[in-house]
C-alpha atoms as a PDB file:
ATOM      1  CA  MET A   1      -0.040   0.038   0.008  1.00  0.00           C
ATOM      2  CA  ARG A   2       1.023   3.662  -0.402  1.00  0.00           C
ATOM      3  CA  ALA A   3       1.202   5.974   2.559  1.00  0.00           C
ATOM      4  CA  LEU A   4       2.329   9.599   3.455  1.00  0.00           C
ATOM      5  CA  THR A   5       5.073   9.695   6.035  1.00  0.00           C
ATOM      6  CA  VAL A   6       7.395  12.433   7.420  1.00  0.00           C
ATOM      7  CA  ARG A   7      10.527  12.656   9.488  1.00  0.00           C
ATOM      8  CA  PRO A   8       9.251  14.844  12.327  1.00  0.00           C
ATOM      9  CA  GLY A   9      11.638  17.709  13.173  1.00  0.00           C
ATOM     10  CA  ARG A  10      13.104  17.825   9.694  1.00  0.00           C
ATOM     11  CA  GLN A  11      11.806  20.292   7.111  1.00  0.00           C
ATOM     12  CA  ASN A  12      10.162  19.076   3.920  1.00  0.00           C
ATOM     13  CA  SER A  13      10.488  15.498   4.587  1.00  0.00           C
ATOM     14  CA  LEU A  14       7.217  14.253   3.196  1.00  0.00           C
ATOM     15  CA  GLU A  15       7.413  11.114   1.221  1.00  0.00           C
ATOM     16  CA  LEU A  16       4.885   8.864  -0.466  1.00  0.00           C
ATOM     17  CA  GLN A  17       6.109   5.426   0.406  1.00  0.00           C
ATOM     18  CA  HIS A  18       5.088   1.863  -0.233  1.00  0.00           C
ATOM     19  CA  LEU A  19       4.527  -0.047   3.077  1.00  0.00           C
ATOM     20  CA  PRO A  20       3.233  -3.453   3.883  1.00  0.00           C
ATOM     21  CA  THR A  21      -0.599  -3.640   4.638  1.00  0.00           C
ATOM     22  CA  PRO A  22      -1.259  -3.691   8.290  1.00  0.00           C
ATOM     23  CA  SER A  23      -2.684  -6.533  10.073  1.00  0.00           C
ATOM     24  CA  PRO A  24      -5.432  -5.728  12.682  1.00  0.00           C
ATOM     25  CA  ALA A  25      -4.718  -6.738  16.257  1.00  0.00           C
ATOM     26  CA  ASP A  26      -7.382  -8.068  18.453  1.00  0.00           C
ATOM     27  CA  GLY A  27     -10.293  -5.611  18.746  1.00  0.00           C
ATOM     28  CA  GLU A  28      -9.132  -3.572  15.841  1.00  0.00           C
ATOM     29  CA  LEU A  29     -10.709  -2.701  12.290  1.00  0.00           C
ATOM     30  CA  LEU A  30      -8.928  -3.035   9.171  1.00  0.00           C
ATOM     31  CA  VAL A  31     -10.034  -0.002   7.206  1.00  0.00           C
ATOM     32  CA  ARG A  32      -9.552   0.974   3.520  1.00  0.00           C
ATOM     33  CA  GLY A  33      -8.745   4.567   3.540  1.00  0.00           C
ATOM     34  CA  LEU A  34     -10.734   6.845   1.323  1.00  0.00           C
ATOM     35  CA  ALA A  35      -9.879  10.381   2.062  1.00  0.00           C
ATOM     36  CA  LEU A  36      -7.444  12.335   4.189  1.00  0.00           C
ATOM     37  CA  GLY A  37      -8.269  16.000   5.292  1.00  0.00           C
ATOM     38  CA  VAL A  38      -5.375  18.603   5.510  1.00  0.00           C
ATOM     39  CA  CYS A  39      -5.096  21.174   8.185  1.00  0.00           C
ATOM     40  CA  GLY A  40      -2.603  23.653   9.597  1.00  0.00           C
ATOM     41  CA  THR A  41      -1.166  20.974  11.987  1.00  0.00           C
ATOM     42  CA  ASP A  42      -0.046  18.876   9.020  1.00  0.00           C
ATOM     43  CA  ARG A  43       1.679  21.655   7.508  1.00  0.00           C
ATOM     44  CA  GLU A  44       3.520  22.507  10.586  1.00  0.00           C
ATOM     45  CA  ILE A  45       4.519  18.856  10.872  1.00  0.00           C
ATOM     46  CA  ILE A  46       5.882  18.903   7.340  1.00  0.00           C
ATOM     47  CA  SER A  47       7.834  22.085   7.879  1.00  0.00           C
ATOM     48  CA  GLY A  48       9.420  20.349  10.893  1.00  0.00           C
ATOM     49  CA  GLU A  49       8.053  22.627  13.661  1.00  0.00           C
ATOM     50  CA  TYR A  50       5.888  19.909  15.300  1.00  0.00           C
ATOM     51  CA  GLY A  51       5.209  16.094  15.486  1.00  0.00           C
ATOM     52  CA  TRP A  52       6.820  12.971  17.208  1.00  0.00           C
ATOM     53  CA  ALA A  53       7.379   9.509  15.525  1.00  0.00           C
ATOM     54  CA  PRO A  54       6.351   6.395  17.269  1.00  0.00           C
ATOM     55  CA  SER A  55       9.014   5.156  19.729  1.00  0.00           C
ATOM     56  CA  GLY A  56      11.895   3.478  17.916  1.00  0.00           C
ATOM     57  CA  HIS A  57      10.904   4.844  14.515  1.00  0.00           C
ATOM     58  CA  ASP A  58      12.498   7.880  12.610  1.00  0.00           C
ATOM     59  CA  ARG A  59       9.307   8.371  10.562  1.00  0.00           C
ATOM     60  CA  LEU A  60       5.697   9.336  11.311  1.00  0.00           C
ATOM     61  CA  LEU A  61       2.707   8.144   9.135  1.00  0.00           C
ATOM     62  CA  LEU A  62       0.911  11.463   8.502  1.00  0.00           C
ATOM     63  CA  GLY A  63      -2.809  12.243   8.997  1.00  0.00           C
ATOM     64  CA  HIS A  64      -5.272  12.785  11.578  1.00  0.00           C
ATOM     65  CA  GLU A  65      -8.648  13.698   9.614  1.00  0.00           C
ATOM     66  CA  SER A  66      -9.736  10.276   8.455  1.00  0.00           C
ATOM     67  CA  LEU A  67     -12.378   8.534   6.500  1.00  0.00           C
ATOM     68  CA  GLY A  68     -12.501   4.995   5.459  1.00  0.00           C
ATOM     69  CA  ARG A  69     -14.480   1.900   4.894  1.00  0.00           C
ATOM     70  CA  VAL A  70     -14.496  -1.131   7.021  1.00  0.00           C
ATOM     71  CA  GLU A  71     -12.708  -4.225   5.312  1.00  0.00           C
ATOM     72  CA  GLN A  72     -12.719  -6.363   8.338  1.00  0.00           C
ATOM     73  CA  ALA A  73     -14.087  -6.122  12.007  1.00  0.00           C
ATOM     74  CA  PRO A  74     -14.145  -8.224  15.029  1.00  0.00           C
ATOM     75  CA  PRO A  75     -17.177 -10.341  15.267  1.00  0.00           C
ATOM     76  CA  ASP A  76     -18.228  -8.873  18.660  1.00  0.00           C
ATOM     77  CA  SER A  77     -17.727  -5.236  17.561  1.00  0.00           C
ATOM     78  CA  ASP A  78     -20.752  -2.915  16.431  1.00  0.00           C
ATOM     79  CA  PHE A  79     -19.018  -2.760  13.059  1.00  0.00           C
ATOM     80  CA  SER A  80     -19.345  -4.638   9.844  1.00  0.00           C
ATOM     81  CA  ALA A  81     -17.506  -4.804   6.412  1.00  0.00           C
ATOM     82  CA  GLY A  82     -18.596  -1.901   4.302  1.00  0.00           C
ATOM     83  CA  ASP A  83     -19.168   0.487   7.153  1.00  0.00           C
ATOM     84  CA  LEU A  84     -17.988   4.147   6.599  1.00  0.00           C
ATOM     85  CA  VAL A  85     -15.997   5.199   9.609  1.00  0.00           C
ATOM     86  CA  ALA A  86     -13.742   7.817  11.025  1.00  0.00           C
ATOM     87  CA  GLY A  87     -10.931   7.350  13.532  1.00  0.00           C
ATOM     88  CA  VAL A  88     -10.557   9.429  16.847  1.00  0.00           C
ATOM     89  CA  VAL A  89      -7.323  11.176  16.941  1.00  0.00           C
ATOM     90  CA  ARG A  90      -6.325  11.336  20.540  1.00  0.00           C
ATOM     91  CA  ARG A  91      -5.682   8.408  22.914  1.00  0.00           C
ATOM     92  CA  PRO A  92      -5.382   8.842  26.793  1.00  0.00           C
ATOM     93  CA  ASP A  93      -2.009   8.689  28.557  1.00  0.00           C
ATOM     94  CA  PRO A  94      -0.767   5.253  29.693  1.00  0.00           C
ATOM     95  CA  VAL A  95      -1.226   5.919  33.370  1.00  0.00           C
ATOM     96  CA  PRO A  96      -4.557   8.014  32.966  1.00  0.00           C
ATOM     97  CA  CYS A  97      -4.869  11.260  34.710  1.00  0.00           C
ATOM     98  CA  GLY A  98      -8.299  12.088  36.119  1.00  0.00           C
ATOM     99  CA  ALA A  99      -9.725  13.472  33.017  1.00  0.00           C
ATOM    100  CA  CYS A 100      -8.269  10.571  30.652  1.00  0.00           C
ATOM    101  CA  GLY A 101      -9.553   7.986  33.187  1.00  0.00           C
ATOM    102  CA  HIS A 102     -13.135   9.458  32.612  1.00  0.00           C
ATOM    103  CA  GLY A 103     -12.851   9.381  28.894  1.00  0.00           C
ATOM    104  CA  GLU A 104     -12.086  13.075  28.601  1.00  0.00           C
ATOM    105  CA  PHE A 105      -8.850  12.587  27.093  1.00  0.00           C
ATOM    106  CA  ASP A 106      -9.114  15.713  25.149  1.00  0.00           C
ATOM    107  CA  MET A 107      -8.772  17.405  28.713  1.00  0.00           C
ATOM    108  CA  CYS A 108      -5.503  15.599  29.649  1.00  0.00           C
ATOM    109  CA  ARG A 109      -4.003  17.156  32.611  1.00  0.00           C
ATOM    110  CA  ASN A 110      -0.467  15.843  32.140  1.00  0.00           C
ATOM    111  CA  GLY A 111       0.269  15.939  28.525  1.00  0.00           C
ATOM    112  CA  ARG A 112       1.265  12.280  28.079  1.00  0.00           C
ATOM    113  CA  TYR A 113      -1.461  11.554  25.693  1.00  0.00           C
ATOM    114  CA  THR A 114      -0.718  10.233  22.228  1.00  0.00           C
ATOM    115  CA  GLU A 115      -2.331  11.371  18.919  1.00  0.00           C
ATOM    116  CA  ARG A 116      -2.652   9.618  15.509  1.00  0.00           C
ATOM    117  CA  GLY A 117      -0.590  11.084  12.851  1.00  0.00           C
ATOM    118  CA  ILE A 118       0.741  13.922  15.201  1.00  0.00           C
ATOM    119  CA  LYS A 119       2.147  12.620  18.421  1.00  0.00           C
ATOM    120  CA  GLU A 120       3.912   9.130  18.734  1.00  0.00           C
ATOM    121  CA  ILE A 121       1.176   7.025  16.920  1.00  0.00           C
ATOM    122  CA  ASP A 122       0.972   6.626  13.256  1.00  0.00           C
ATOM    123  CA  GLY A 123      -1.682   8.363  11.493  1.00  0.00           C
ATOM    124  CA  TYR A 124      -4.485   7.584   8.796  1.00  0.00           C
ATOM    125  CA  GLY A 125      -2.637   8.855   5.644  1.00  0.00           C
ATOM    126  CA  ALA A 126      -2.306   5.312   3.952  1.00  0.00           C
ATOM    127  CA  GLN A 127      -4.533   3.374   1.741  1.00  0.00           C
ATOM    128  CA  MET A 128      -5.152   0.716   4.554  1.00  0.00           C
ATOM    129  CA  TRP A 129      -5.061   1.427   8.185  1.00  0.00           C
ATOM    130  CA  CYS A 130      -6.338  -0.016  11.548  1.00  0.00           C
ATOM    131  CA  VAL A 131      -8.160   1.433  14.324  1.00  0.00           C
ATOM    132  CA  GLU A 132      -9.426   0.073  17.654  1.00  0.00           C
ATOM    133  CA  ALA A 133     -13.251  -0.517  17.395  1.00  0.00           C
ATOM    134  CA  ALA A 134     -13.553   1.450  20.736  1.00  0.00           C
ATOM    135  CA  TYR A 135     -11.971   4.602  18.756  1.00  0.00           C
ATOM    136  CA  ALA A 136     -13.983   4.378  15.556  1.00  0.00           C
ATOM    137  CA  VAL A 137     -17.180   6.188  14.757  1.00  0.00           C
ATOM    138  CA  LYS A 138     -19.577   5.051  12.210  1.00  0.00           C
ATOM    139  CA  LEU A 139     -21.004   7.531   9.636  1.00  0.00           C
ATOM    140  CA  GLN A 140     -24.235   7.364   7.662  1.00  0.00           C
ATOM    141  CA  PRO A 141     -23.503   5.965   4.135  1.00  0.00           C
ATOM    142  CA  HIS A 142     -24.623   9.089   2.510  1.00  0.00           C
ATOM    143  CA  LEU A 143     -21.733  10.903   3.746  1.00  0.00           C
ATOM    144  CA  GLU A 144     -19.124   9.059   1.771  1.00  0.00           C
ATOM    145  CA  ARG A 145     -17.955  12.319  -0.242  1.00  0.00           C
ATOM    146  CA  VAL A 146     -17.866  14.484   2.824  1.00  0.00           C
ATOM    147  CA  GLY A 147     -17.301  12.285   5.841  1.00  0.00           C
ATOM    148  CA  VAL A 148     -13.764  13.393   5.888  1.00  0.00           C
ATOM    149  CA  LEU A 149     -15.030  16.505   7.807  1.00  0.00           C
ATOM    150  CA  MET A 150     -15.583  14.513  10.794  1.00  0.00           C
ATOM    151  CA  GLU A 151     -12.566  15.487  12.656  1.00  0.00           C
ATOM    152  CA  PRO A 152     -12.778  19.203  12.355  1.00  0.00           C
ATOM    153  CA  ALA A 153     -16.536  18.857  12.922  1.00  0.00           C
ATOM    154  CA  SER A 154     -15.661  17.140  16.258  1.00  0.00           C
ATOM    155  CA  VAL A 155     -13.478  19.905  17.316  1.00  0.00           C
ATOM    156  CA  VAL A 156     -16.442  22.363  16.652  1.00  0.00           C
ATOM    157  CA  ALA A 157     -18.895  20.130  18.490  1.00  0.00           C
ATOM    158  CA  LYS A 158     -16.523  20.340  21.538  1.00  0.00           C
ATOM    159  CA  ALA A 159     -16.382  24.056  21.215  1.00  0.00           C
ATOM    160  CA  TRP A 160     -20.265  24.406  21.178  1.00  0.00           C
ATOM    161  CA  GLU A 161     -20.582  21.974  24.252  1.00  0.00           C
ATOM    162  CA  GLN A 162     -18.000  24.307  26.205  1.00  0.00           C
ATOM    163  CA  VAL A 163     -19.878  27.357  25.227  1.00  0.00           C
ATOM    164  CA  GLU A 164     -23.188  25.794  26.454  1.00  0.00           C
ATOM    165  CA  ARG A 165     -21.578  24.439  29.736  1.00  0.00           C
ATOM    166  CA  VAL A 166     -20.020  27.754  30.528  1.00  0.00           C
ATOM    167  CA  GLY A 167     -23.192  29.599  29.691  1.00  0.00           C
ATOM    168  CA  GLY A 168     -25.259  27.092  31.761  1.00  0.00           C
ATOM    169  CA  ARG A 169     -23.792  28.493  34.924  1.00  0.00           C
ATOM    170  CA  SER A 170     -26.702  30.824  35.062  1.00  0.00           C
ATOM    171  CA  TYR A 171     -29.686  31.603  32.866  1.00  0.00           C
ATOM    172  CA  PHE A 172     -28.363  31.468  29.240  1.00  0.00           C
ATOM    173  CA  GLU A 173     -30.547  31.920  26.126  1.00  0.00           C
ATOM    174  CA  PRO A 174     -28.293  33.172  23.308  1.00  0.00           C
ATOM    175  CA  LYS A 175     -29.681  34.726  20.267  1.00  0.00           C
ATOM    176  CA  ARG A 176     -26.553  35.699  18.076  1.00  0.00           C
ATOM    177  CA  VAL A 177     -23.224  33.998  17.456  1.00  0.00           C
ATOM    178  CA  LEU A 178     -20.299  35.607  15.705  1.00  0.00           C
ATOM    179  CA  VAL A 179     -17.796  33.244  14.212  1.00  0.00           C
ATOM    180  CA  THR A 180     -14.440  34.923  13.403  1.00  0.00           C
ATOM    181  CA  GLY A 181     -12.732  33.222  10.432  1.00  0.00           C
ATOM    182  CA  ALA A 182     -14.372  31.275   7.523  1.00  0.00           C
ATOM    183  CA  GLY A 183     -11.989  28.277   7.384  1.00  0.00           C
ATOM    184  CA  PRO A 184     -13.207  24.891   8.012  1.00  0.00           C
ATOM    185  CA  ILE A 185     -13.483  25.321  11.711  1.00  0.00           C
ATOM    186  CA  GLY A 186     -15.280  28.546  11.220  1.00  0.00           C
ATOM    187  CA  MET A 187     -17.618  27.288   8.644  1.00  0.00           C
ATOM    188  CA  LEU A 188     -18.462  24.268  10.742  1.00  0.00           C
ATOM    189  CA  ALA A 189     -18.959  26.347  13.823  1.00  0.00           C
ATOM    190  CA  ALA A 190     -21.434  28.406  11.731  1.00  0.00           C
ATOM    191  CA  LEU A 191     -23.326  25.174  10.565  1.00  0.00           C
ATOM    192  CA  LEU A 192     -23.608  24.004  14.220  1.00  0.00           C
ATOM    193  CA  GLY A 193     -24.814  27.361  15.078  1.00  0.00           C
ATOM    194  CA  THR A 194     -27.738  27.357  12.539  1.00  0.00           C
ATOM    195  CA  GLN A 195     -28.532  23.756  13.538  1.00  0.00           C
ATOM    196  CA  ARG A 196     -28.950  25.343  17.168  1.00  0.00           C
ATOM    197  CA  GLY A 197     -31.449  27.963  15.649  1.00  0.00           C
ATOM    198  CA  LEU A 198     -29.084  30.948  16.323  1.00  0.00           C
ATOM    199  CA  GLU A 199     -28.730  34.058  14.291  1.00  0.00           C
ATOM    200  CA  VAL A 200     -25.329  33.274  12.798  1.00  0.00           C
ATOM    201  CA  HIS A 201     -22.679  35.883  11.725  1.00  0.00           C
ATOM    202  CA  VAL A 202     -19.286  35.109  10.174  1.00  0.00           C
ATOM    203  CA  LEU A 203     -16.411  37.584   9.918  1.00  0.00           C
ATOM    204  CA  ASP A 204     -13.460  37.010   7.487  1.00  0.00           C
ATOM    205  CA  ARG A 205     -11.026  39.125   5.684  1.00  0.00           C
ATOM    206  CA  VAL A 206     -11.941  38.005   2.054  1.00  0.00           C
ATOM    207  CA  ALA A 207     -14.685  39.478   0.056  1.00  0.00           C
ATOM    208  CA  ASP A 208     -14.676  37.095  -2.820  1.00  0.00           C
ATOM    209  CA  GLY A 209     -14.191  33.381  -3.575  1.00  0.00           C
ATOM    210  CA  PRO A 210     -16.356  30.530  -2.181  1.00  0.00           C
ATOM    211  CA  LYS A 211     -16.595  31.590   1.480  1.00  0.00           C
ATOM    212  CA  PRO A 212     -19.290  34.423   1.177  1.00  0.00           C
ATOM    213  CA  ALA A 213     -21.579  32.118  -0.746  1.00  0.00           C
ATOM    214  CA  LEU A 214     -21.033  29.222   1.570  1.00  0.00           C
ATOM    215  CA  VAL A 215     -22.005  31.349   4.574  1.00  0.00           C
ATOM    216  CA  ARG A 216     -25.038  32.694   2.852  1.00  0.00           C
ATOM    217  CA  GLY A 217     -26.015  29.115   1.810  1.00  0.00           C
ATOM    218  CA  LEU A 218     -26.327  28.513   5.626  1.00  0.00           C
ATOM    219  CA  GLY A 219     -28.771  31.386   5.863  1.00  0.00           C
ATOM    220  CA  ALA A 220     -26.141  33.365   7.802  1.00  0.00           C
ATOM    221  CA  ALA A 221     -24.558  36.705   7.264  1.00  0.00           C
ATOM    222  CA  TYR A 222     -20.969  37.190   6.087  1.00  0.00           C
ATOM    223  CA  HIS A 223     -19.115  40.246   7.131  1.00  0.00           C
ATOM    224  CA  THR A 224     -15.622  41.833   6.074  1.00  0.00           C
ATOM    225  CA  GLY A 225     -13.892  44.760   7.342  1.00  0.00           C
ATOM    226  CA  GLU A 226     -12.788  46.179  10.754  1.00  0.00           C
ATOM    227  CA  ALA A 227     -13.402  43.643  13.623  1.00  0.00           C
ATOM    228  CA  GLN A 228     -14.512  46.149  16.204  1.00  0.00           C
ATOM    229  CA  ARG A 229     -16.936  47.644  13.932  1.00  0.00           C
ATOM    230  CA  VAL A 230     -18.557  44.307  12.949  1.00  0.00           C
ATOM    231  CA  ILE A 231     -18.632  43.099  16.566  1.00  0.00           C
ATOM    232  CA  GLY A 232     -20.273  46.387  17.654  1.00  0.00           C
ATOM    233  CA  LYS A 233     -22.798  46.183  15.062  1.00  0.00           C
ATOM    234  CA  VAL A 234     -23.716  42.424  15.707  1.00  0.00           C
ATOM    235  CA  CYS A 235     -23.410  42.478  19.518  1.00  0.00           C
ATOM    236  CA  PRO A 236     -23.163  38.649  19.658  1.00  0.00           C
ATOM    237  CA  ASP A 237     -24.059  36.747  22.749  1.00  0.00           C
ATOM    238  CA  VAL A 238     -21.385  34.198  21.706  1.00  0.00           C
ATOM    239  CA  ILE A 239     -18.152  34.551  19.742  1.00  0.00           C
ATOM    240  CA  ILE A 240     -16.315  31.529  18.434  1.00  0.00           C
ATOM    241  CA  GLU A 241     -12.814  32.806  17.464  1.00  0.00           C
ATOM    242  CA  ALA A 242     -11.387  30.376  14.769  1.00  0.00           C
ATOM    243  CA  THR A 243      -8.356  32.425  13.542  1.00  0.00           C
ATOM    244  CA  GLY A 244      -5.823  32.809  16.334  1.00  0.00           C
ATOM    245  CA  ALA A 245      -5.007  36.383  14.992  1.00  0.00           C
ATOM    246  CA  SER A 246      -4.151  38.444  17.943  1.00  0.00           C
ATOM    247  CA  ALA A 247      -6.052  41.567  17.224  1.00  0.00           C
ATOM    248  CA  LEU A 248      -9.154  39.518  16.597  1.00  0.00           C
ATOM    249  CA  VAL A 249      -8.816  37.749  19.891  1.00  0.00           C
ATOM    250  CA  PHE A 250      -8.592  40.876  21.836  1.00  0.00           C
ATOM    251  CA  ALA A 251     -11.417  42.435  19.933  1.00  0.00           C
ATOM    252  CA  ALA A 252     -13.501  39.363  20.769  1.00  0.00           C
ATOM    253  CA  LEU A 253     -12.853  39.481  24.444  1.00  0.00           C
ATOM    254  CA  ARG A 254     -14.330  42.897  24.736  1.00  0.00           C
ATOM    255  CA  GLY A 255     -17.050  42.474  22.193  1.00  0.00           C
ATOM    256  CA  THR A 256     -19.984  40.337  23.429  1.00  0.00           C
ATOM    257  CA  ALA A 257     -23.266  41.445  24.871  1.00  0.00           C
ATOM    258  CA  PRO A 258     -23.523  41.196  28.635  1.00  0.00           C
ATOM    259  CA  TYR A 259     -23.090  37.494  30.076  1.00  0.00           C
ATOM    260  CA  GLY A 260     -21.359  36.656  26.701  1.00  0.00           C
ATOM    261  CA  VAL A 261     -19.238  33.636  26.127  1.00  0.00           C
ATOM    262  CA  VAL A 262     -15.977  33.762  23.985  1.00  0.00           C
ATOM    263  CA  CYS A 263     -14.704  30.431  22.756  1.00  0.00           C
ATOM    264  CA  LEU A 264     -11.039  30.466  21.485  1.00  0.00           C
ATOM    265  CA  THR A 265     -10.397  27.713  19.108  1.00  0.00           C
ATOM    266  CA  GLY A 266      -7.575  29.303  16.929  1.00  0.00           C
ATOM    267  CA  VAL A 267      -3.988  28.986  17.853  1.00  0.00           C
ATOM    268  CA  SER A 268      -2.013  32.346  17.839  1.00  0.00           C
ATOM    269  CA  PRO A 269       1.553  32.185  16.663  1.00  0.00           C
ATOM    270  CA  ALA A 270       4.108  33.137  19.192  1.00  0.00           C
ATOM    271  CA  GLY A 271       6.487  36.197  19.075  1.00  0.00           C
ATOM    272  CA  ARG A 272       3.981  38.780  17.797  1.00  0.00           C
ATOM    273  CA  SER A 273       3.271  41.687  19.936  1.00  0.00           C
ATOM    274  CA  ILE A 274       0.163  44.076  19.813  1.00  0.00           C
ATOM    275  CA  THR A 275      -0.794  46.876  22.109  1.00  0.00           C
ATOM    276  CA  ALA A 276      -3.959  46.212  24.168  1.00  0.00           C
ATOM    277  CA  ASP A 277      -5.773  47.991  26.927  1.00  0.00           C
ATOM    278  CA  ALA A 278      -5.689  45.200  29.321  1.00  0.00           C
ATOM    279  CA  GLY A 279      -7.488  47.288  32.142  1.00  0.00           C
ATOM    280  CA  SER A 280     -10.334  47.925  29.862  1.00  0.00           C
ATOM    281  CA  ILE A 281     -10.671  44.345  28.734  1.00  0.00           C
ATOM    282  CA  ASN A 282     -10.539  43.041  32.318  1.00  0.00           C
ATOM    283  CA  ARG A 283     -13.042  45.717  33.472  1.00  0.00           C
ATOM    284  CA  GLU A 284     -15.794  44.765  30.849  1.00  0.00           C
ATOM    285  CA  ILE A 285     -15.390  40.836  31.307  1.00  0.00           C
ATOM    286  CA  VAL A 286     -15.776  41.258  35.125  1.00  0.00           C
ATOM    287  CA  LEU A 287     -18.565  43.835  35.062  1.00  0.00           C
ATOM    288  CA  GLN A 288     -20.668  42.026  32.420  1.00  0.00           C
ATOM    289  CA  ASN A 289     -20.079  38.563  33.854  1.00  0.00           C
ATOM    290  CA  ASP A 290     -18.464  37.460  30.543  1.00  0.00           C
ATOM    291  CA  ALA A 291     -16.478  34.262  30.194  1.00  0.00           C
ATOM    292  CA  VAL A 292     -13.491  33.155  27.983  1.00  0.00           C
ATOM    293  CA  VAL A 293     -12.685  29.651  27.273  1.00  0.00           C
ATOM    294  CA  GLY A 294     -10.134  27.833  25.280  1.00  0.00           C
ATOM    295  CA  SER A 295     -11.133  24.563  23.308  1.00  0.00           C
ATOM    296  CA  VAL A 296      -9.051  22.097  21.323  1.00  0.00           C
ATOM    297  CA  ASN A 297      -9.076  18.560  20.138  1.00  0.00           C
ATOM    298  CA  ALA A 298     -12.096  16.130  20.902  1.00  0.00           C
ATOM    299  CA  ASN A 299     -13.017  12.850  22.470  1.00  0.00           C
ATOM    300  CA  LEU A 300     -15.119  10.023  21.336  1.00  0.00           C
ATOM    301  CA  HIS A 301     -18.316  11.721  22.587  1.00  0.00           C
ATOM    302  CA  HIS A 302     -17.576  14.616  20.396  1.00  0.00           C
ATOM    303  CA  PHE A 303     -16.932  12.481  17.232  1.00  0.00           C
ATOM    304  CA  ARG A 304     -20.284  11.093  17.594  1.00  0.00           C
ATOM    305  CA  GLN A 305     -21.946  14.508  18.011  1.00  0.00           C
ATOM    306  CA  ALA A 306     -19.999  15.476  14.826  1.00  0.00           C
ATOM    307  CA  ALA A 307     -21.249  12.309  13.081  1.00  0.00           C
ATOM    308  CA  ASP A 308     -24.875  13.478  13.974  1.00  0.00           C
ATOM    309  CA  ALA A 309     -24.420  17.041  12.821  1.00  0.00           C
ATOM    310  CA  LEU A 310     -22.988  16.063   9.392  1.00  0.00           C
ATOM    311  CA  ALA A 311     -25.856  13.628   8.942  1.00  0.00           C
ATOM    312  CA  LYS A 312     -28.463  16.511   9.593  1.00  0.00           C
ATOM    313  CA  ALA A 313     -26.451  18.924   7.312  1.00  0.00           C
ATOM    314  CA  ASP A 314     -27.290  19.563   3.646  1.00  0.00           C
ATOM    315  CA  ARG A 315     -24.750  17.333   1.810  1.00  0.00           C
ATOM    316  CA  ASN A 316     -24.356  19.550  -1.043  1.00  0.00           C
ATOM    317  CA  TRP A 317     -23.343  22.421   1.299  1.00  0.00           C
ATOM    318  CA  LEU A 318     -20.789  20.112   3.038  1.00  0.00           C
ATOM    319  CA  GLU A 319     -19.363  19.183  -0.384  1.00  0.00           C
ATOM    320  CA  GLY A 320     -18.908  22.862  -1.107  1.00  0.00           C
ATOM    321  CA  LEU A 321     -16.480  23.091   1.863  1.00  0.00           C
ATOM    322  CA  ILE A 322     -14.153  20.799   0.090  1.00  0.00           C
ATOM    323  CA  THR A 323     -12.478  23.021  -2.500  1.00  0.00           C
ATOM    324  CA  ARG A 324      -9.870  20.855  -3.683  1.00  0.00           C
ATOM    325  CA  ARG A 325      -9.522  17.030  -3.903  1.00  0.00           C
ATOM    326  CA  VAL A 326      -5.954  16.063  -4.735  1.00  0.00           C
ATOM    327  CA  PRO A 327      -4.901  12.444  -5.953  1.00  0.00           C
ATOM    328  CA  LEU A 328      -2.580  10.694  -3.540  1.00  0.00           C
ATOM    329  CA  ALA A 329       0.067  10.722  -6.250  1.00  0.00           C
ATOM    330  CA  GLN A 330       0.255  14.509  -6.170  1.00  0.00           C
ATOM    331  CA  ALA A 331      -0.465  14.611  -2.436  1.00  0.00           C
ATOM    332  CA  ALA A 332       2.388  17.236  -1.819  1.00  0.00           C
ATOM    333  CA  GLU A 333       0.216  19.787  -3.624  1.00  0.00           C
ATOM    334  CA  ALA A 334      -2.463  19.439  -1.019  1.00  0.00           C
ATOM    335  CA  PHE A 335      -0.151  20.878   1.584  1.00  0.00           C
ATOM    336  CA  GLU A 336       0.257  24.084  -0.416  1.00  0.00           C
ATOM    337  CA  ALA A 337      -2.068  26.584   0.659  1.00  0.00           C
ATOM    338  CA  ARG A 338      -3.978  28.626  -2.090  1.00  0.00           C
ATOM    339  CA  PRO A 339      -6.046  31.703  -1.705  1.00  0.00           C
ATOM    340  CA  ASP A 340      -9.445  30.015  -2.418  1.00  0.00           C
ATOM    341  CA  ASP A 341      -8.983  26.916  -0.253  1.00  0.00           C
ATOM    342  CA  VAL A 342     -11.517  25.984   2.370  1.00  0.00           C
ATOM    343  CA  LYS A 343     -10.865  22.423   2.933  1.00  0.00           C
ATOM    344  CA  VAL A 344      -8.426  20.268   0.944  1.00  0.00           C
ATOM    345  CA  VAL A 345      -8.646  16.544   0.861  1.00  0.00           C
ATOM    346  CA  VAL A 346      -6.252  14.025  -0.446  1.00  0.00           C
ATOM    347  CA  ASP A 347      -8.001  10.910  -2.248  1.00  0.00           C
ATOM    348  CA  LEU A 348      -6.250   7.905  -0.814  1.00  0.00           C
ATOM    349  CA  GLN A 349      -7.553   5.691  -3.544  1.00  0.00           C
ATOM    350  CA  ASP A 350      -6.717   8.139  -6.587  1.00  0.00           C
END
């Protein structure tokens, strides 16, 4: 079989290799890989900024946004040959902390978790892969073209869960949400906002390309321009920040309606400084009972929520998020960002 591998810590080490077809261990599914989603984490690994190979190996099989079809399943599992599945990314640490021991390994307290295609476990970027049945999630058959969106949808499902848990500390009935950033996370956050019956607004810096039409296809409003002006106009009860841009983060912190919740999902680059009135921001958060929460990764529960959300969504709209499908033989092109990209996918079976 063919597989995408990298040498973590070495720049531009991506290779398409021929590897033996894996054999499933007890309790594992054997899966034919259909598609692999590409995100910024993959690009960081390829550029040598991030990533850890499995113990005793110098190369890591890349890929954490998976979609495949079951070839072989344990007889006592809930899976059968032909099922469409995605694999969960993170695994709990070997001597579980409290969160990992309760199945919330996305909230690992000691950092000893592992992650498929990222940290010490080979990923899903291969024509055949194995996954423990306990860490696989079944998708509806009609999602074959778009089920690769499962992993980013799981991240968004968790973000919304965090917003609702934080808001639930008192009476909470949000009406409007502003999503900052119209990449895959932002778009899926907007989708889940519309599924909750909220008035959804999306702010992004581009005025053309596929993003405005995709947002309007949800019945949501698309905005460009200066963040503080847009935030002031919308006066959102919830902001889901999906860019990591420092100026947007600080604008979000002081921009919600009273008793607002800001959920930060974008990771800001280090080493960039901006000037901010910290006292004013603190004053507004305290006096308006606002809350700010960071959210990253997802656990099995969130993957199941994502499967439900995708099953309810308009399939044509979901397909519109996938703006490029790249054959496996040209996979390197998938990791080169282009201006009109929303979600780029590698076709593992060409």
